[in-house]
Amino acid sequence: MSLLKASILVIDDDVDVLTAVRLLMKTEVQQVVTEKNPENIPSLITSRPFDLVLLDMNFNASINTGNEGLYWLKRIKEMKPGISVIMITAYGDIDLAVRSLKEGASDFIVKPWHNEKLVSTIADILKKKTQQASSSTNSGSSKNSYPDLLGNSDVMLDIFSKIDKIAPTDANILILGENGTGKDLIAKAIHEKSLRKKQPFVKVDIGALTETLFESELFGHKKGAFTDAKDERMGLFEAANGGTLFLDEIGNISLQQQAKLLSALQNRQITRLGSNQSIPVDIRLICATNLPMSELANENRFRKDLVYRINTVEIIIPPLRKRNEDIRLLIEHFVKIYSAKYLKTNTRFSETALKKLEQYHFPGNVRELQYIIERVIIMSDGNEITPDEIIFSPIESSNQNASAENDETKLSNIEKNTILRVIEKNNGNITKAAKELGITRTALYRRLGKYEI
């Protein structure tokens, strides 16, 4: 749904909050209705259609003091299950806000909020709601049941089949793939197909955490645990309790961080900084990295015991150049999105433009294709996109392919690249790869060490 066509209901006993939201959103959405008394919620949501509700966590009422927001959230979801609800909370009620996600809230915002963040949060929720509705009524041209994952190639169909098998279990998953291949979408799809789908899905860019922030962010801290610890804080392990914890770019963390993470995973409990009390956690762990398995197996860089712990099952996502037959499907998908976004009707690619894209190697993978489509739709003047209008990303080196082709003429590189292709074809299974190459597993491992792969 377009933000401009949306109707939202705001419920808060603070008149200043109601006024601020109404002034902010009146030019962004079609209708903003504000209400101070939560007792009027049932009559409001049954008398007119709302696409989204902004709901305060606490009111000056006597219903479950401190949990009024959760009470009214449940009532709203019982009466109108299709309405998206964003909770409004103060910093001190973060624990309650996380709990609201488990009860069916779409998201929460913390007072005082940034106006841009509030508008983008509402827009994202409405967009996702529209996509879900579209996927349920339109089977589309893709042969899978994952609306955010597109692909008809054999390798993608194999991935969908693997997700179907592993999602209902609590097995730890390691997702491997180059940047831009959609590792986060795979993680989200696994969660949505799991028995934990109604519980939180918490994503952490773990590689971006510094040594000093690592423990505080993941495990939480007590007030006064360190200089800036002015309040007690829940860690992301606790926030994901009962649901799924997705650790992105796990290959970038230090050996010291790995030891702390391994301890938490082995013991299934964490200890907040500044506390001696252990807190049990129940999570489903999904990790992702752009490193190949051979680098994760290097104990100078990564602990093997942690690799075994996070890698009950691995999913290897192929680069876009390895699934060329999916490119047209992806182009069609992105054209629909950006034509609607930039009000360009009937936009289409000529056959020669499509062939130009199909022949490109896409070092930036699906993410690069997405940016190319968005750029060309913005800049196009007519309805039909021609090859001359397609400009590939200047970020990628134009000499990359040429140097790679020259290297492949060397015998050692031919062997190395053959091994890489066969291992990738067999989804990282060394036994199957060795059999296809006609050598023993031991011989294959020697070559892996020789070529540092």
Protein backbone atom coordinates (compact mmCIF):
# COMPACT_ATOMS: atom_id res chain seq x y z
CA MET A 1 0.00 0.00 0.00
CA SER A 2 1.19 3.52 -0.79
CA LEU A 3 1.84 5.61 2.30
CA LEU A 4 -0.28 8.39 0.82
CA LYS A 5 -3.32 6.10 0.71
CA ALA A 6 -2.97 4.82 4.27
CA SER A 7 -5.27 5.44 7.21
CA ILE A 8 -3.66 5.34 10.66
CA LEU A 9 -4.98 5.50 14.22
CA VAL A 10 -2.87 7.01 17.02
CA ILE A 11 -3.75 6.20 20.65
CA ASP A 12 -1.93 7.97 23.49
CA ASP A 13 -3.09 9.78 26.62
CA ASP A 14 -0.48 12.49 26.05
CA VAL A 15 -2.10 15.27 24.00
CA ASP A 16 1.32 16.58 22.95
CA VAL A 17 2.20 13.20 21.41
CA LEU A 18 -1.10 13.08 19.52
CA THR A 19 -0.58 16.59 18.19
CA ALA A 20 3.02 15.89 17.14
CA VAL A 21 2.08 12.71 15.24
CA ARG A 22 -0.92 14.34 13.58
CA LEU A 23 1.14 17.29 12.34
CA LEU A 24 3.95 15.00 11.15
CA MET A 25 1.76 12.48 9.32
CA LYS A 26 -1.05 14.65 7.94
CA THR A 27 0.86 15.27 4.69
CA GLU A 28 2.27 11.72 4.55
CA VAL A 29 -0.92 9.64 4.78
CA GLN A 30 -4.52 9.94 3.67
CA GLN A 31 -6.04 10.00 7.16
CA VAL A 32 -4.78 10.39 10.74
CA VAL A 33 -7.21 9.73 13.59
CA THR A 34 -6.07 10.45 17.16
CA GLU A 35 -7.61 9.17 20.38
CA LYS A 36 -6.71 9.89 24.01
CA ASN A 37 -8.91 7.27 25.70
CA PRO A 38 -8.00 3.63 24.94
CA GLU A 39 -11.50 2.54 26.00
CA ASN A 40 -12.70 3.87 22.65
CA ILE A 41 -10.43 1.53 20.66
CA PRO A 42 -13.08 -1.19 20.03
CA SER A 43 -15.64 1.23 18.58
CA LEU A 44 -13.02 3.04 16.50
CA ILE A 45 -11.47 0.03 14.77
CA THR A 46 -14.82 -1.64 14.12
CA SER A 47 -16.48 1.49 12.71
CA ARG A 48 -13.86 2.32 10.06
CA PRO A 49 -10.91 0.61 8.33
CA PHE A 50 -7.39 1.38 9.55
CA ASP A 51 -4.18 0.13 7.98
CA LEU A 52 -1.97 0.80 11.00
CA VAL A 53 -2.24 1.69 14.68
CA LEU A 54 0.30 3.62 16.78
CA LEU A 55 -0.34 2.49 20.37
CA ASP A 56 1.16 3.80 23.61
CA MET A 57 2.52 1.20 26.06
CA ASN A 58 1.18 2.92 29.20
CA PHE A 59 -2.01 4.81 30.03
CA ASN A 60 -3.44 6.36 33.16
CA ALA A 61 -5.80 3.42 33.48
CA SER A 62 -6.19 0.69 36.05
CA ILE A 63 -5.93 -2.23 33.63
CA ASN A 64 -2.79 -4.29 34.31
CA THR A 65 -0.72 -1.31 35.46
CA GLY A 66 2.45 -1.10 33.38
CA ASN A 67 1.01 -3.47 30.78
CA GLU A 68 -1.91 -1.48 29.40
CA GLY A 69 -0.35 -1.39 25.97
CA LEU A 70 -0.03 -5.18 25.86
CA TYR A 71 -3.66 -5.54 26.95
CA TRP A 72 -4.94 -3.27 24.16
CA LEU A 73 -2.57 -4.83 21.64
CA LYS A 74 -4.17 -8.22 22.29
CA ARG A 75 -7.66 -6.74 22.00
CA ILE A 76 -6.83 -5.07 18.66
CA LYS A 77 -5.30 -8.25 17.21
CA GLU A 78 -8.32 -10.28 18.36
CA MET A 79 -10.80 -7.90 16.72
CA LYS A 80 -8.77 -7.00 13.62
CA PRO A 81 -5.90 -9.46 13.06
CA GLY A 82 -4.88 -7.72 9.82
CA ILE A 83 -4.10 -4.35 11.41
CA SER A 84 -0.40 -3.59 11.88
CA VAL A 85 0.45 -2.15 15.30
CA ILE A 86 3.50 -0.06 16.26
CA MET A 87 4.04 0.37 20.00
CA ILE A 88 5.13 3.73 21.45
CA THR A 89 7.37 3.30 24.46
CA ALA A 90 9.81 5.09 26.74
CA TYR A 91 13.42 3.86 26.99
CA GLY A 92 12.78 2.28 30.39
CA ASP A 93 10.06 0.03 28.92
CA ILE A 94 12.22 -1.61 26.25
CA ASP A 95 11.67 -5.05 27.83
CA LEU A 96 7.90 -4.60 27.52
CA ALA A 97 8.29 -3.40 23.95
CA VAL A 98 10.26 -6.52 23.02
CA ARG A 99 7.53 -8.60 24.62
CA SER A 100 4.97 -6.77 22.48
CA LEU A 101 6.70 -8.13 19.36
CA LYS A 102 5.99 -11.62 20.64
CA GLU A 103 2.35 -10.65 21.14
CA GLY A 104 1.92 -9.54 17.53
CA ALA A 105 3.18 -5.95 17.27
CA SER A 106 4.95 -5.12 14.01
CA ASP A 107 7.55 -2.85 15.59
CA PHE A 108 8.08 -0.31 18.37
CA ILE A 109 9.46 3.23 18.56
CA VAL A 110 11.09 4.89 21.54
CA LYS A 111 10.22 8.37 22.82
CA PRO A 112 11.53 10.83 21.79
CA TRP A 113 11.74 9.59 18.22
CA HIS A 114 13.29 10.99 15.06
CA ASN A 115 10.54 12.05 12.66
CA GLU A 116 12.30 10.51 9.64
CA LYS A 117 12.63 7.19 11.47
CA LEU A 118 8.93 7.13 12.39
CA VAL A 119 7.81 7.86 8.82
CA SER A 120 10.18 5.25 7.34
CA THR A 121 9.08 2.62 9.90
CA ILE A 122 5.41 3.15 9.01
CA ALA A 123 6.20 3.11 5.27
CA ASP A 124 8.23 -0.12 5.54
CA ILE A 125 5.48 -1.92 7.46
CA LEU A 126 2.79 -0.88 4.99
CA LYS A 127 5.00 -1.90 2.06
CA LYS A 128 5.63 -5.34 3.55
CA LYS A 129 1.93 -5.74 4.26
CA THR A 130 1.14 -5.00 0.61
CA GLN A 131 3.77 -7.46 -0.63
CA GLN A 132 2.40 -10.21 1.61
CA ALA A 133 -1.14 -9.58 0.40
CA SER A 134 0.04 -9.62 -3.21
CA SER A 135 1.94 -12.87 -2.79
CA SER A 136 -1.07 -14.58 -1.23
CA THR A 137 -3.37 -13.67 -4.13
CA ASN A 138 -0.89 -13.90 -7.00
CA SER A 139 1.19 -17.02 -7.47
CA GLY A 140 3.53 -15.06 -9.75
CA SER A 141 6.05 -16.56 -12.12
CA SER A 142 8.46 -17.91 -9.52
CA LYS A 143 8.10 -21.56 -8.59
CA ASN A 144 8.55 -21.13 -4.80
CA SER A 145 6.54 -20.14 -1.75
CA TYR A 146 8.95 -17.44 -0.56
CA PRO A 147 7.71 -14.02 -1.72
CA ASP A 148 11.00 -12.23 -0.97
CA LEU A 149 13.19 -14.89 -2.63
CA LEU A 150 13.06 -15.06 -6.41
CA GLY A 151 14.49 -17.80 -8.57
CA ASN A 152 13.50 -20.62 -10.88
CA SER A 153 17.02 -21.94 -11.43
CA ASP A 154 17.83 -25.44 -10.21
CA VAL A 155 20.27 -24.16 -7.61
CA MET A 156 17.66 -21.80 -6.11
CA LEU A 157 14.98 -24.49 -6.14
CA ASP A 158 17.43 -26.70 -4.22
CA ILE A 159 17.83 -23.91 -1.65
CA PHE A 160 14.05 -23.57 -1.28
CA SER A 161 13.82 -27.33 -0.76
CA LYS A 162 16.54 -27.19 1.89
CA ILE A 163 14.76 -24.35 3.70
CA ASP A 164 11.54 -26.40 3.75
CA LYS A 165 13.40 -29.25 5.44
CA ILE A 166 15.44 -27.33 8.00
CA ALA A 167 13.15 -24.43 8.91
CA PRO A 168 10.79 -26.44 11.20
CA THR A 169 13.79 -27.73 13.19
CA ASP A 170 15.93 -25.84 15.71
CA ALA A 171 19.17 -26.69 13.88
CA ASN A 172 21.77 -23.93 13.77
CA ILE A 173 22.23 -22.63 10.21
CA LEU A 174 25.29 -21.12 8.54
CA ILE A 175 24.58 -19.15 5.34
CA LEU A 176 27.53 -18.68 2.99
CA GLY A 177 27.60 -16.36 0.01
CA GLU A 178 29.16 -13.30 -1.58
CA ASN A 179 28.03 -9.81 -0.64
CA GLY A 180 24.75 -8.87 -2.28
CA THR A 181 23.42 -12.42 -2.74
CA GLY A 182 20.62 -12.05 -0.18
CA LYS A 183 21.85 -13.89 2.91
CA ASP A 184 19.60 -11.83 5.17
CA LEU A 185 16.54 -12.72 3.05
CA ILE A 186 17.37 -16.42 3.40
CA ALA A 187 17.67 -16.02 7.19
CA LYS A 188 14.31 -14.25 7.36
CA ALA A 189 12.68 -16.92 5.19
CA ILE A 190 13.93 -19.66 7.53
CA HIS A 191 12.46 -17.81 10.51
CA GLU A 192 9.11 -17.24 8.76
CA LYS A 193 8.86 -20.98 7.98
CA SER A 194 9.92 -22.05 11.48
CA LEU A 195 7.85 -22.90 14.55
CA ARG A 196 9.23 -19.68 16.05
CA LYS A 197 7.76 -17.40 13.38
CA LYS A 198 5.49 -15.59 15.87
CA GLN A 199 8.48 -14.83 18.09
CA PRO A 200 11.14 -12.13 17.55
CA PHE A 201 13.59 -12.18 14.66
CA VAL A 202 16.63 -10.19 15.81
CA LYS A 203 19.35 -9.33 13.29
CA VAL A 204 22.82 -8.26 14.46
CA ASP A 205 25.64 -7.02 12.23
CA ILE A 206 28.09 -8.71 14.53
CA GLY A 207 31.12 -7.79 12.48
CA ALA A 208 30.44 -4.09 13.16
CA LEU A 209 30.61 -4.48 16.96
CA THR A 210 33.82 -3.28 18.57
CA GLU A 211 35.56 -5.25 21.30
CA THR A 212 34.14 -2.88 23.93
CA LEU A 213 30.55 -3.03 22.62
CA PHE A 214 30.44 -6.74 21.81
CA GLU A 215 29.44 -8.07 25.25
CA SER A 216 27.21 -5.13 26.12
CA GLU A 217 25.20 -5.40 22.87
CA LEU A 218 24.85 -9.17 22.84
CA PHE A 219 24.54 -9.94 26.55
CA GLY A 220 23.34 -6.65 28.06
CA HIS A 221 24.66 -4.82 31.11
CA LYS A 222 23.75 -3.70 34.61
CA LYS A 223 23.61 -0.06 35.57
CA GLY A 224 27.11 1.16 36.41
CA ALA A 225 28.84 -1.81 34.75
CA PHE A 226 31.06 0.68 32.87
CA THR A 227 31.41 4.45 32.54
CA ASP A 228 28.46 5.11 30.21
CA ALA A 229 26.17 2.41 31.62
CA LYS A 230 23.57 4.82 33.05
CA ASP A 231 20.73 2.32 32.84
CA GLU A 232 20.30 -1.43 32.94
CA ARG A 233 19.99 -2.83 29.42
CA MET A 234 18.77 -6.05 27.89
CA GLY A 235 21.13 -7.68 25.39
CA LEU A 236 20.18 -8.95 21.95
CA PHE A 237 20.34 -12.59 23.08
CA GLU A 238 17.55 -11.84 25.57
CA ALA A 239 15.63 -9.78 23.00
CA ALA A 240 15.59 -12.84 20.71
CA ASN A 241 14.57 -15.25 23.48
CA GLY A 242 11.99 -17.69 22.12
CA GLY A 243 12.72 -16.61 18.56
CA THR A 244 15.60 -16.40 16.09
CA LEU A 245 18.94 -14.62 16.49
CA PHE A 246 20.61 -13.80 13.16
CA LEU A 247 24.33 -12.98 13.43
CA ASP A 248 25.40 -11.42 10.14
CA GLU A 249 29.07 -11.22 9.04
CA ILE A 250 30.17 -13.58 11.79
CA GLY A 251 33.42 -14.27 9.95
CA ASN A 252 34.71 -10.82 10.92
CA ILE A 253 34.79 -11.24 14.70
CA SER A 254 38.01 -11.69 16.68
CA LEU A 255 39.14 -14.87 18.41
CA GLN A 256 38.38 -13.29 21.79
CA GLN A 257 34.84 -12.46 20.71
CA GLN A 258 34.48 -15.99 19.34
CA ALA A 259 35.34 -17.48 22.75
CA LYS A 260 32.65 -15.40 24.48
CA LEU A 261 30.07 -16.28 21.83
CA LEU A 262 30.92 -19.98 22.01
CA SER A 263 30.47 -20.00 25.79
CA ALA A 264 26.99 -18.47 25.48
CA LEU A 265 25.96 -20.96 22.79
CA GLN A 266 27.28 -23.99 24.64
CA ASN A 267 25.70 -23.07 27.97
CA ARG A 268 22.48 -21.64 26.46
CA GLN A 269 22.73 -18.81 28.95
CA ILE A 270 24.25 -15.35 29.19
CA THR A 271 25.47 -13.06 31.96
CA ARG A 272 24.97 -9.31 31.74
CA LEU A 273 28.04 -7.17 32.20
CA GLY A 274 28.34 -6.15 35.85
CA SER A 275 26.22 -9.09 37.04
CA ASN A 276 26.97 -12.56 38.39
CA GLN A 277 23.51 -13.93 37.60
CA SER A 278 23.17 -16.27 34.62
CA ILE A 279 20.10 -15.83 32.41
CA PRO A 280 18.90 -18.82 30.35
CA VAL A 281 18.10 -18.10 26.70
CA ASP A 282 16.18 -20.13 24.15
CA ILE A 283 17.12 -19.07 20.63
CA ARG A 284 17.36 -20.49 17.14
CA LEU A 285 20.74 -19.37 15.76
CA ILE A 286 21.37 -18.38 12.15
CA CYS A 287 24.76 -17.02 11.08
CA ALA A 288 26.01 -15.63 7.78
CA THR A 289 29.35 -14.71 6.26
CA ASN A 290 30.88 -13.87 2.90
CA LEU A 291 33.95 -15.97 3.76
CA PRO A 292 34.33 -19.39 2.12
CA MET A 293 34.21 -22.44 4.38
CA SER A 294 37.93 -22.99 3.83
CA GLU A 295 38.74 -19.70 5.59
CA LEU A 296 36.41 -20.51 8.46
CA ALA A 297 38.25 -23.81 8.85
CA ASN A 298 41.56 -21.93 9.34
CA GLU A 299 42.11 -22.04 13.11
CA ASN A 300 44.41 -19.03 12.94
CA ARG A 301 41.32 -17.04 11.99
CA PHE A 302 38.34 -18.92 13.35
CA ARG A 303 37.78 -21.47 16.12
CA LYS A 304 36.80 -24.86 14.73
CA ASP A 305 34.67 -25.66 17.78
CA LEU A 306 32.62 -22.53 17.05
CA VAL A 307 32.31 -23.48 13.37
CA TYR A 308 30.86 -26.85 14.39
CA ARG A 309 28.53 -25.15 16.86
CA ILE A 310 27.04 -22.69 14.33
CA ASN A 311 27.08 -25.03 11.33
CA THR A 312 24.66 -27.89 11.89
CA VAL A 313 23.50 -27.22 8.32
CA GLU A 314 25.02 -24.81 5.81
CA ILE A 315 23.30 -23.10 2.90
CA ILE A 316 25.52 -21.84 0.09
CA ILE A 317 23.93 -19.05 -1.95
CA PRO A 318 25.32 -18.89 -5.48
CA PRO A 319 26.40 -15.57 -6.99
CA LEU A 320 24.06 -14.14 -9.61
CA ARG A 321 26.48 -15.01 -12.43
CA LYS A 322 25.95 -18.69 -11.51
CA ARG A 323 22.17 -18.49 -11.95
CA ASN A 324 21.83 -16.49 -15.13
CA GLU A 325 18.36 -17.89 -15.84
CA ASP A 326 16.96 -15.95 -12.84
CA ILE A 327 18.02 -12.53 -14.12
CA ARG A 328 14.86 -11.79 -16.14
CA LEU A 329 12.66 -12.76 -13.21
CA LEU A 330 14.59 -10.41 -10.93
CA ILE A 331 14.47 -7.59 -13.50
CA GLU A 332 10.69 -7.95 -13.75
CA HIS A 333 10.43 -7.80 -9.95
CA PHE A 334 12.55 -4.65 -9.58
CA VAL A 335 10.88 -2.93 -12.53
CA LYS A 336 7.50 -3.30 -10.80
CA ILE A 337 8.85 -1.89 -7.54
CA TYR A 338 10.64 1.14 -8.97
CA SER A 339 8.12 1.96 -11.67
CA ALA A 340 5.52 2.30 -8.92
CA LYS A 341 7.90 4.20 -6.65
CA TYR A 342 8.86 6.77 -9.28
CA LEU A 343 5.44 6.88 -10.99
CA LYS A 344 6.75 5.52 -14.30
CA THR A 345 3.92 3.53 -15.89
CA ASN A 346 4.34 0.77 -18.49
CA THR A 347 8.12 0.70 -18.17
CA ARG A 348 9.73 -2.26 -19.92
CA PHE A 349 13.15 -3.40 -21.12
CA SER A 350 13.82 -4.05 -24.76
CA GLU A 351 15.04 -7.51 -25.72
CA THR A 352 18.52 -6.16 -26.48
CA ALA A 353 18.62 -4.43 -23.07
CA LEU A 354 17.66 -7.70 -21.37
CA LYS A 355 20.41 -9.55 -23.23
CA LYS A 356 22.95 -6.91 -22.17
CA LEU A 357 22.05 -7.51 -18.54
CA GLU A 358 22.11 -11.29 -18.96
CA GLN A 359 25.63 -11.13 -20.40
CA TYR A 360 27.00 -9.03 -17.53
CA HIS A 361 28.92 -10.79 -14.72
CA PHE A 362 27.39 -8.82 -11.78
CA PRO A 363 30.27 -8.72 -9.27
CA GLY A 364 27.84 -6.96 -6.89
CA ASN A 365 25.24 -9.72 -7.34
CA VAL A 366 21.49 -9.10 -6.87
CA ARG A 367 22.12 -5.90 -4.95
CA GLU A 368 23.99 -4.45 -7.95
CA LEU A 369 21.20 -5.49 -10.32
CA GLN A 370 18.68 -3.78 -8.04
CA TYR A 371 20.63 -0.51 -8.09
CA ILE A 372 21.06 -0.68 -11.89
CA ILE A 373 17.30 -1.10 -12.40
CA GLU A 374 16.45 1.73 -10.00
CA ARG A 375 18.93 4.08 -11.65
CA VAL A 376 17.80 3.37 -15.21
CA ILE A 377 14.10 3.83 -14.33
CA ILE A 378 14.84 7.18 -12.68
CA MET A 379 16.82 8.41 -15.68
CA SER A 380 14.66 6.98 -18.49
CA ASP A 381 12.50 9.28 -20.61
CA GLY A 382 10.41 6.73 -22.49
CA ASN A 383 8.57 3.53 -21.67
CA GLU A 384 11.11 1.18 -23.27
CA ILE A 385 14.60 0.87 -21.81
CA THR A 386 17.34 0.51 -24.42
CA PRO A 387 20.87 -0.95 -23.95
CA ASP A 388 22.45 2.53 -24.14
CA GLU A 389 20.54 3.56 -21.00
CA ILE A 390 22.02 0.76 -18.89
CA ILE A 391 25.10 1.87 -16.97
CA PHE A 392 26.94 -0.67 -14.84
CA SER A 393 28.27 0.22 -11.43
CA PRO A 394 31.54 2.19 -11.50
CA ILE A 395 32.35 0.77 -8.06
CA GLU A 396 33.40 -2.53 -9.59
CA SER A 397 36.77 -2.61 -11.34
CA SER A 398 36.49 -2.78 -15.11
CA ASN A 399 39.70 -4.82 -15.17
CA GLN A 400 38.42 -7.52 -12.85
CA ASN A 401 37.24 -9.89 -15.55
CA ALA A 402 40.25 -9.35 -17.79
CA SER A 403 42.73 -10.21 -15.05
CA ALA A 404 40.68 -13.20 -14.01
CA GLU A 405 40.64 -14.51 -17.57
CA ASN A 406 44.43 -14.12 -17.85
CA ASP A 407 44.96 -15.96 -14.58
CA GLU A 408 42.83 -18.87 -15.72
CA THR A 409 45.32 -19.63 -18.49
CA LYS A 410 47.80 -20.81 -15.86
CA LEU A 411 47.59 -24.53 -15.12
CA SER A 412 47.54 -24.05 -11.34
CA ASN A 413 44.67 -21.59 -11.58
CA ILE A 414 42.74 -23.92 -13.86
CA GLU A 415 43.01 -26.65 -11.20
CA LYS A 416 42.11 -24.24 -8.39
CA ASN A 417 39.08 -22.86 -10.22
CA THR A 418 37.91 -26.37 -11.13
CA ILE A 419 38.06 -27.41 -7.47
CA LEU A 420 36.13 -24.30 -6.42
CA ARG A 421 33.42 -24.90 -9.03
CA VAL A 422 32.97 -28.56 -8.08
CA ILE A 423 32.82 -27.80 -4.34
CA GLU A 424 30.27 -25.04 -5.00
CA LYS A 425 28.26 -27.38 -7.27
CA ASN A 426 28.11 -29.93 -4.43
CA ASN A 427 27.12 -27.29 -1.87
CA GLY A 428 30.35 -27.65 0.08
CA ASN A 429 30.17 -31.44 0.45
CA ILE A 430 33.86 -32.48 0.30
CA THR A 431 33.14 -36.20 -0.11
CA LYS A 432 30.91 -35.67 -3.16
CA ALA A 433 33.31 -33.09 -4.61
CA ALA A 434 36.28 -35.45 -4.29
CA LYS A 435 34.32 -38.26 -5.95
CA GLU A 436 33.36 -36.02 -8.89
CA LEU A 437 36.97 -34.85 -9.26
CA GLY A 438 38.17 -38.46 -9.24
CA ILE A 439 40.47 -38.06 -6.22
CA THR A 440 40.35 -39.08 -2.56
CA ARG A 441 39.14 -36.77 0.20
CA THR A 442 42.70 -36.65 1.57
CA ALA A 443 44.05 -35.55 -1.80
CA LEU A 444 41.36 -32.90 -2.08
CA TYR A 445 42.18 -31.56 1.39
CA ARG A 446 45.86 -31.33 0.37
CA ARG A 447 44.90 -29.24 -2.64
CA LEU A 448 42.66 -27.04 -0.50
CA GLY A 449 45.65 -26.35 1.72
CA LYS A 450 47.93 -25.83 -1.25
CA TYR A 451 45.71 -23.21 -2.83
CA GLU A 452 44.58 -21.76 0.52
CA ILE A 453 40.91 -22.28 -0.26
